């Protein structure tokens, strides 16, 4: 694997976040699975940690009843070897497919990424503090 610069890592992580938002909007769980590690853990307020399969079940249920739109504002990315941490301000909207009011959530997230043997960054741990706004 070639040695990457911090700038290349930064660009790849920003692209991953943008791809995650696109996959969320498209309801594309396969694309999301390509962006997370097999041992991913999602941490959210008031819930037990969520692993890959629980995330998949929740996402499948959600996209049956809502469309999702997200907007990311990366605050900081720090890379150390094959690990990276990103602080991000995230805004996510859920609009009922059957009609009704859009629910808007926003807040800070802290995401740890791990670079795989294939050189690709993937979400390894994700903690978000999104709240209804």
N, C-alpha and C. Protein backbone atom coordinates (compact mmCIF):
# COMPACT_ATOMS: atom_id res chain seq x y z
N UNK A 1 0.85 -1.17 0.00
CA UNK A 1 0.00 0.00 0.00
C UNK A 1 0.89 1.23 0.00
N UNK A 2 0.55 2.20 -0.82
CA UNK A 2 1.36 3.41 -0.88
C UNK A 2 1.09 4.30 0.32
N UNK A 3 2.10 5.07 0.68
CA UNK A 3 1.97 6.00 1.80
C UNK A 3 1.08 7.17 1.37
N UNK A 4 0.02 7.43 2.12
CA UNK A 4 -0.87 8.54 1.80
C UNK A 4 -0.51 9.75 2.63
N UNK A 5 -0.87 10.89 2.12
CA UNK A 5 -0.68 12.12 2.89
C UNK A 5 -1.92 12.36 3.74
N UNK A 6 -1.78 13.21 4.75
CA UNK A 6 -2.92 13.57 5.59
C UNK A 6 -4.03 14.18 4.75
N UNK A 7 -3.65 14.94 3.73
CA UNK A 7 -4.65 15.58 2.86
C UNK A 7 -5.46 14.53 2.10
N UNK A 8 -4.80 13.48 1.61
CA UNK A 8 -5.51 12.41 0.91
C UNK A 8 -6.45 11.69 1.86
N UNK A 9 -5.97 11.41 3.07
CA UNK A 9 -6.83 10.75 4.07
C UNK A 9 -8.04 11.63 4.38
N UNK A 10 -7.79 12.91 4.58
CA UNK A 10 -8.86 13.86 4.88
C UNK A 10 -9.90 13.84 3.76
N UNK A 11 -9.45 13.90 2.52
CA UNK A 11 -10.36 13.90 1.37
C UNK A 11 -11.17 12.60 1.30
N UNK A 12 -10.51 11.47 1.56
CA UNK A 12 -11.21 10.18 1.51
C UNK A 12 -12.27 10.08 2.61
N UNK A 13 -11.96 10.59 3.79
CA UNK A 13 -12.93 10.54 4.89
C UNK A 13 -14.10 11.47 4.61
N UNK A 14 -13.83 12.66 4.09
CA UNK A 14 -14.92 13.57 3.71
C UNK A 14 -15.79 12.94 2.62
N UNK A 15 -15.18 12.26 1.67
CA UNK A 15 -15.93 11.58 0.60
C UNK A 15 -16.78 10.45 1.18
N UNK A 16 -16.25 9.72 2.15
CA UNK A 16 -17.00 8.65 2.80
C UNK A 16 -18.24 9.22 3.48
N UNK A 17 -18.09 10.33 4.18
CA UNK A 17 -19.23 10.96 4.87
C UNK A 17 -20.28 11.40 3.84
N UNK A 18 -19.84 11.99 2.75
CA UNK A 18 -20.78 12.42 1.70
C UNK A 18 -21.49 11.20 1.09
N UNK A 19 -20.75 10.13 0.87
CA UNK A 19 -21.34 8.90 0.32
C UNK A 19 -22.34 8.31 1.29
N UNK A 20 -22.04 8.38 2.59
CA UNK A 20 -22.98 7.88 3.62
C UNK A 20 -24.30 8.65 3.52
N UNK A 21 -24.22 9.97 3.40
CA UNK A 21 -25.44 10.78 3.29
C UNK A 21 -26.21 10.43 2.03
N UNK A 22 -25.51 10.25 0.92
CA UNK A 22 -26.16 9.87 -0.34
C UNK A 22 -26.84 8.51 -0.21
N UNK A 23 -26.15 7.55 0.38
CA UNK A 23 -26.71 6.21 0.56
C UNK A 23 -27.93 6.25 1.48
N UNK A 24 -27.89 7.10 2.50
CA UNK A 24 -29.04 7.26 3.39
C UNK A 24 -30.24 7.78 2.62
N UNK A 25 -30.02 8.80 1.81
CA UNK A 25 -31.09 9.41 1.02
C UNK A 25 -31.67 8.41 0.01
N UNK A 26 -30.82 7.55 -0.52
CA UNK A 26 -31.25 6.57 -1.52
C UNK A 26 -31.79 5.29 -0.90
N UNK A 27 -31.69 5.17 0.43
CA UNK A 27 -32.12 3.94 1.09
C UNK A 27 -31.25 2.76 0.73
N UNK A 28 -29.97 3.01 0.48
CA UNK A 28 -29.05 2.00 -0.03
C UNK A 28 -28.21 1.39 1.10
N UNK A 29 -28.75 0.35 1.71
CA UNK A 29 -28.06 -0.32 2.81
C UNK A 29 -26.77 -1.00 2.33
N UNK A 30 -26.75 -1.52 1.13
CA UNK A 30 -25.55 -2.16 0.59
C UNK A 30 -24.40 -1.16 0.53
N UNK A 31 -24.68 0.03 0.06
CA UNK A 31 -23.63 1.06 0.00
C UNK A 31 -23.16 1.41 1.41
N UNK A 32 -24.09 1.50 2.36
CA UNK A 32 -23.69 1.80 3.74
C UNK A 32 -22.82 0.68 4.31
N UNK A 33 -23.18 -0.56 4.04
CA UNK A 33 -22.38 -1.68 4.54
C UNK A 33 -20.95 -1.62 4.00
N UNK A 34 -20.76 -1.09 2.81
CA UNK A 34 -19.41 -0.94 2.26
C UNK A 34 -18.61 0.13 2.98
N UNK A 35 -19.29 0.97 3.77
CA UNK A 35 -18.64 2.08 4.45
C UNK A 35 -18.40 1.83 5.94
N UNK A 36 -18.79 0.64 6.44
CA UNK A 36 -18.62 0.33 7.85
C UNK A 36 -17.84 -0.97 8.02
N UNK A 37 -17.17 -1.09 9.15
CA UNK A 37 -16.44 -2.32 9.45
C UNK A 37 -17.43 -3.39 9.91
N UNK A 38 -17.00 -4.63 9.89
CA UNK A 38 -17.85 -5.72 10.35
C UNK A 38 -18.16 -5.59 11.84
N UNK A 39 -17.25 -4.99 12.61
CA UNK A 39 -17.44 -4.85 14.06
C UNK A 39 -17.83 -3.43 14.48
N UNK A 40 -18.50 -2.71 13.58
CA UNK A 40 -18.92 -1.33 13.85
C UNK A 40 -19.81 -1.28 15.09
N UNK A 41 -19.74 -0.16 15.81
CA UNK A 41 -20.61 0.09 16.95
C UNK A 41 -21.13 1.53 16.82
N UNK A 42 -22.46 1.67 16.91
CA UNK A 42 -23.11 2.98 16.89
C UNK A 42 -23.60 3.28 18.30
N UNK A 43 -23.25 4.46 18.81
CA UNK A 43 -23.67 4.88 20.14
C UNK A 43 -24.60 6.08 20.00
N UNK A 44 -25.78 5.97 20.60
CA UNK A 44 -26.76 7.06 20.54
C UNK A 44 -27.33 7.26 21.94
N UNK A 45 -27.82 8.47 22.22
CA UNK A 45 -28.34 8.76 23.56
C UNK A 45 -29.50 7.85 23.95
N UNK A 46 -29.45 7.35 25.18
CA UNK A 46 -30.55 6.57 25.73
C UNK A 46 -30.74 5.18 25.18
N UNK A 47 -29.79 4.69 24.42
CA UNK A 47 -29.92 3.35 23.82
C UNK A 47 -28.68 2.53 24.10
N UNK A 48 -28.82 1.23 24.04
CA UNK A 48 -27.66 0.37 24.15
C UNK A 48 -26.87 0.46 22.84
N UNK A 49 -25.58 0.16 22.87
CA UNK A 49 -24.78 0.20 21.63
C UNK A 49 -25.42 -0.68 20.55
N UNK A 50 -25.38 -0.19 19.33
CA UNK A 50 -25.98 -0.88 18.20
C UNK A 50 -24.88 -1.42 17.29
N UNK A 51 -24.97 -2.70 16.99
CA UNK A 51 -24.02 -3.35 16.08
C UNK A 51 -24.58 -3.34 14.65
N UNK A 52 -23.80 -3.88 13.76
CA UNK A 52 -24.09 -3.86 12.32
C UNK A 52 -25.48 -4.38 11.97
N UNK A 53 -25.84 -5.56 12.46
CA UNK A 53 -27.11 -6.16 12.07
C UNK A 53 -28.30 -5.41 12.65
N UNK A 54 -28.16 -4.89 13.87
CA UNK A 54 -29.25 -4.10 14.44
C UNK A 54 -29.41 -2.79 13.66
N UNK A 55 -28.29 -2.18 13.27
CA UNK A 55 -28.36 -0.99 12.43
C UNK A 55 -29.12 -1.30 11.15
N UNK A 56 -28.78 -2.42 10.51
CA UNK A 56 -29.43 -2.80 9.26
C UNK A 56 -30.94 -2.95 9.44
N UNK A 57 -31.34 -3.62 10.50
CA UNK A 57 -32.77 -3.82 10.75
C UNK A 57 -33.48 -2.48 10.97
N UNK A 58 -32.85 -1.59 11.74
CA UNK A 58 -33.46 -0.27 12.00
C UNK A 58 -33.54 0.56 10.71
N UNK A 59 -32.48 0.51 9.90
CA UNK A 59 -32.47 1.27 8.65
C UNK A 59 -33.54 0.75 7.69
N UNK A 60 -33.62 -0.58 7.56
CA UNK A 60 -34.64 -1.17 6.67
C UNK A 60 -36.04 -0.74 7.09
N UNK A 61 -36.31 -0.77 8.40
CA UNK A 61 -37.62 -0.37 8.90
C UNK A 61 -37.87 1.12 8.62
N UNK A 62 -36.87 1.94 8.82
CA UNK A 62 -37.02 3.39 8.62
C UNK A 62 -37.33 3.74 7.17
N UNK A 63 -36.59 3.15 6.23
CA UNK A 63 -36.77 3.55 4.83
C UNK A 63 -38.10 3.06 4.25
N UNK A 64 -38.80 2.21 4.99
CA UNK A 64 -40.15 1.81 4.57
C UNK A 64 -41.15 2.93 4.82
N UNK A 65 -40.84 3.83 5.78
CA UNK A 65 -41.83 4.84 6.17
C UNK A 65 -41.35 6.28 6.02
N UNK A 66 -40.05 6.50 5.85
CA UNK A 66 -39.54 7.88 5.72
C UNK A 66 -38.48 7.97 4.63
N UNK A 67 -38.30 9.19 4.13
CA UNK A 67 -37.12 9.48 3.33
C UNK A 67 -36.16 10.22 4.25
N UNK A 68 -34.88 10.07 3.98
CA UNK A 68 -33.84 10.62 4.85
C UNK A 68 -32.99 11.59 4.04
N UNK A 69 -32.71 12.72 4.65
CA UNK A 69 -31.78 13.69 4.05
C UNK A 69 -30.81 14.11 5.14
N UNK A 70 -29.52 14.12 4.81
CA UNK A 70 -28.55 14.56 5.82
C UNK A 70 -27.57 15.56 5.22
N UNK A 71 -27.11 16.41 6.10
CA UNK A 71 -26.11 17.41 5.73
C UNK A 71 -25.03 17.38 6.79
N UNK A 72 -23.80 17.36 6.33
CA UNK A 72 -22.65 17.22 7.21
C UNK A 72 -21.79 18.48 7.17
N UNK A 73 -21.29 18.86 8.33
CA UNK A 73 -20.36 19.97 8.42
C UNK A 73 -19.18 19.51 9.27
N UNK A 74 -18.16 18.97 8.61
CA UNK A 74 -16.99 18.43 9.30
C UNK A 74 -16.26 19.56 10.03
N UNK A 75 -16.00 19.34 11.30
CA UNK A 75 -15.31 20.32 12.13
C UNK A 75 -13.82 20.02 12.23
N UNK A 76 -13.50 18.72 12.26
CA UNK A 76 -12.09 18.34 12.49
C UNK A 76 -11.90 16.88 12.10
N UNK A 77 -10.78 16.59 11.46
CA UNK A 77 -10.37 15.22 11.18
C UNK A 77 -8.93 15.07 11.64
N UNK A 78 -8.68 14.04 12.44
CA UNK A 78 -7.32 13.74 12.90
C UNK A 78 -7.00 12.31 12.50
N UNK A 79 -5.87 12.13 11.83
CA UNK A 79 -5.46 10.81 11.36
C UNK A 79 -4.18 10.41 12.07
N UNK A 80 -4.15 9.16 12.54
CA UNK A 80 -2.95 8.60 13.14
C UNK A 80 -2.82 7.16 12.64
N UNK A 81 -1.95 6.97 11.68
CA UNK A 81 -1.77 5.63 11.11
C UNK A 81 -3.04 5.18 10.41
N UNK A 82 -3.55 4.01 10.84
CA UNK A 82 -4.75 3.45 10.22
C UNK A 82 -6.02 3.75 11.00
N UNK A 83 -5.94 4.71 11.93
CA UNK A 83 -7.12 5.17 12.66
C UNK A 83 -7.30 6.66 12.43
N UNK A 84 -8.55 7.08 12.39
CA UNK A 84 -8.85 8.50 12.25
C UNK A 84 -10.08 8.82 13.08
N UNK A 85 -10.15 10.06 13.53
CA UNK A 85 -11.29 10.53 14.31
C UNK A 85 -11.83 11.79 13.64
N UNK A 86 -13.14 11.87 13.56
CA UNK A 86 -13.80 13.02 12.93
C UNK A 86 -14.87 13.56 13.84
N UNK A 87 -14.80 14.87 14.10
CA UNK A 87 -15.87 15.59 14.79
C UNK A 87 -16.66 16.29 13.70
N UNK A 88 -17.97 16.07 13.73
CA UNK A 88 -18.84 16.50 12.65
C UNK A 88 -20.13 17.07 13.23
N UNK A 89 -20.64 18.15 12.68
CA UNK A 89 -21.98 18.61 13.02
C UNK A 89 -22.90 18.08 11.94
N UNK A 90 -23.88 17.29 12.34
CA UNK A 90 -24.73 16.57 11.40
C UNK A 90 -26.18 17.02 11.55
N UNK A 91 -26.83 17.22 10.41
CA UNK A 91 -28.26 17.53 10.38
C UNK A 91 -28.95 16.45 9.56
N UNK A 92 -29.99 15.85 10.14
CA UNK A 92 -30.70 14.77 9.46
C UNK A 92 -32.20 15.06 9.52
N UNK A 93 -32.86 14.94 8.37
CA UNK A 93 -34.30 15.14 8.29
C UNK A 93 -34.97 13.84 7.88
N UNK A 94 -36.10 13.55 8.52
CA UNK A 94 -36.90 12.37 8.21
C UNK A 94 -38.27 12.85 7.76
N UNK A 95 -38.64 12.54 6.52
CA UNK A 95 -39.92 12.96 5.98
C UNK A 95 -40.79 11.73 5.74
N UNK A 96 -41.97 11.67 6.36
CA UNK A 96 -42.84 10.51 6.16
C UNK A 96 -43.22 10.34 4.68
N UNK A 97 -43.09 9.14 4.18
CA UNK A 97 -43.44 8.84 2.80
C UNK A 97 -44.93 9.06 2.57
N UNK A 98 -45.73 8.74 3.57
CA UNK A 98 -47.18 8.88 3.45
C UNK A 98 -47.65 10.32 3.60
N UNK A 99 -46.72 11.23 3.86
CA UNK A 99 -47.07 12.63 4.06
C UNK A 99 -47.02 12.98 5.53
N UNK A 100 -46.89 14.24 5.79
CA UNK A 100 -46.81 14.71 7.17
C UNK A 100 -45.59 15.56 7.37
N UNK A 101 -45.40 15.98 8.60
CA UNK A 101 -44.30 16.89 8.92
C UNK A 101 -42.96 16.19 8.93
N UNK A 102 -41.96 16.92 8.46
CA UNK A 102 -40.58 16.45 8.51
C UNK A 102 -40.05 16.62 9.92
N UNK A 103 -39.38 15.60 10.40
CA UNK A 103 -38.72 15.64 11.70
C UNK A 103 -37.24 15.95 11.47
N UNK A 104 -36.76 17.04 12.09
CA UNK A 104 -35.38 17.46 11.89
C UNK A 104 -34.57 17.22 13.16
N UNK A 105 -33.41 16.62 12.98
CA UNK A 105 -32.50 16.33 14.09
C UNK A 105 -31.13 16.91 13.74
N UNK A 106 -30.43 17.38 14.76
CA UNK A 106 -29.10 17.95 14.52
C UNK A 106 -28.26 17.76 15.78
N UNK A 107 -26.95 17.73 15.58
CA UNK A 107 -26.04 17.64 16.70
C UNK A 107 -24.66 17.20 16.27
N UNK A 108 -23.82 17.08 17.26
CA UNK A 108 -22.44 16.69 17.03
C UNK A 108 -22.31 15.17 16.99
N UNK A 109 -21.39 14.72 16.17
CA UNK A 109 -21.03 13.31 16.13
C UNK A 109 -19.52 13.20 16.28
N UNK A 110 -19.10 12.09 16.83
CA UNK A 110 -17.68 11.77 16.91
C UNK A 110 -17.54 10.36 16.33
N UNK A 111 -16.81 10.27 15.23
CA UNK A 111 -16.70 9.02 14.50
C UNK A 111 -15.24 8.60 14.42
N UNK A 112 -14.99 7.33 14.73
CA UNK A 112 -13.67 6.74 14.56
C UNK A 112 -13.71 5.89 13.30
N UNK A 113 -12.71 6.08 12.46
CA UNK A 113 -12.58 5.33 11.21
C UNK A 113 -11.37 4.43 11.30
N UNK A 114 -11.45 3.29 10.63
CA UNK A 114 -10.30 2.39 10.55
C UNK A 114 -10.03 2.12 9.08
N UNK A 115 -8.74 2.18 8.71
CA UNK A 115 -8.35 1.88 7.33
C UNK A 115 -8.18 0.36 7.22
N UNK A 116 -8.85 -0.22 6.23
CA UNK A 116 -8.76 -1.66 6.02
C UNK A 116 -7.51 -2.06 5.25
N UNK A 117 -7.30 -3.35 5.14
CA UNK A 117 -6.16 -3.89 4.40
C UNK A 117 -6.21 -3.46 2.93
N UNK A 118 -7.41 -3.12 2.45
CA UNK A 118 -7.57 -2.67 1.06
C UNK A 118 -7.28 -1.17 0.90
N UNK A 119 -6.90 -0.51 2.01
CA UNK A 119 -6.57 0.91 1.96
C UNK A 119 -7.76 1.85 2.11
N UNK A 120 -8.97 1.29 2.23
CA UNK A 120 -10.18 2.10 2.33
C UNK A 120 -10.54 2.39 3.78
N UNK A 121 -10.95 3.63 4.02
CA UNK A 121 -11.44 4.02 5.33
C UNK A 121 -12.87 3.53 5.50
N UNK A 122 -13.20 3.07 6.73
CA UNK A 122 -14.56 2.65 7.06
C UNK A 122 -14.90 3.12 8.47
N UNK A 123 -16.19 3.33 8.70
CA UNK A 123 -16.64 3.71 10.04
C UNK A 123 -16.48 2.51 10.95
N UNK A 124 -15.82 2.75 12.09
CA UNK A 124 -15.55 1.70 13.07
C UNK A 124 -16.39 1.92 14.34
N UNK A 125 -16.42 3.17 14.81
CA UNK A 125 -17.22 3.55 15.98
C UNK A 125 -17.87 4.89 15.65
N UNK A 126 -19.13 5.04 16.04
CA UNK A 126 -19.83 6.29 15.77
C UNK A 126 -20.68 6.65 16.98
N UNK A 127 -20.44 7.82 17.52
CA UNK A 127 -21.22 8.33 18.65
C UNK A 127 -21.89 9.62 18.20
N UNK A 128 -23.22 9.66 18.29
CA UNK A 128 -23.87 10.91 17.88
C UNK A 128 -24.78 11.43 18.98
N UNK A 129 -24.88 12.74 19.00
CA UNK A 129 -25.71 13.44 19.98
C UNK A 129 -26.81 14.22 19.27
N UNK A 130 -27.39 13.62 18.24
CA UNK A 130 -28.45 14.30 17.50
C UNK A 130 -29.68 14.45 18.38
N UNK A 131 -30.28 15.62 18.31
CA UNK A 131 -31.49 15.91 19.06
C UNK A 131 -32.51 16.54 18.12
N UNK A 132 -33.78 16.39 18.45
CA UNK A 132 -34.84 17.01 17.68
C UNK A 132 -34.69 18.53 17.74
N UNK A 133 -34.77 19.17 16.58
CA UNK A 133 -34.65 20.65 16.54
C UNK A 133 -35.91 21.25 15.95
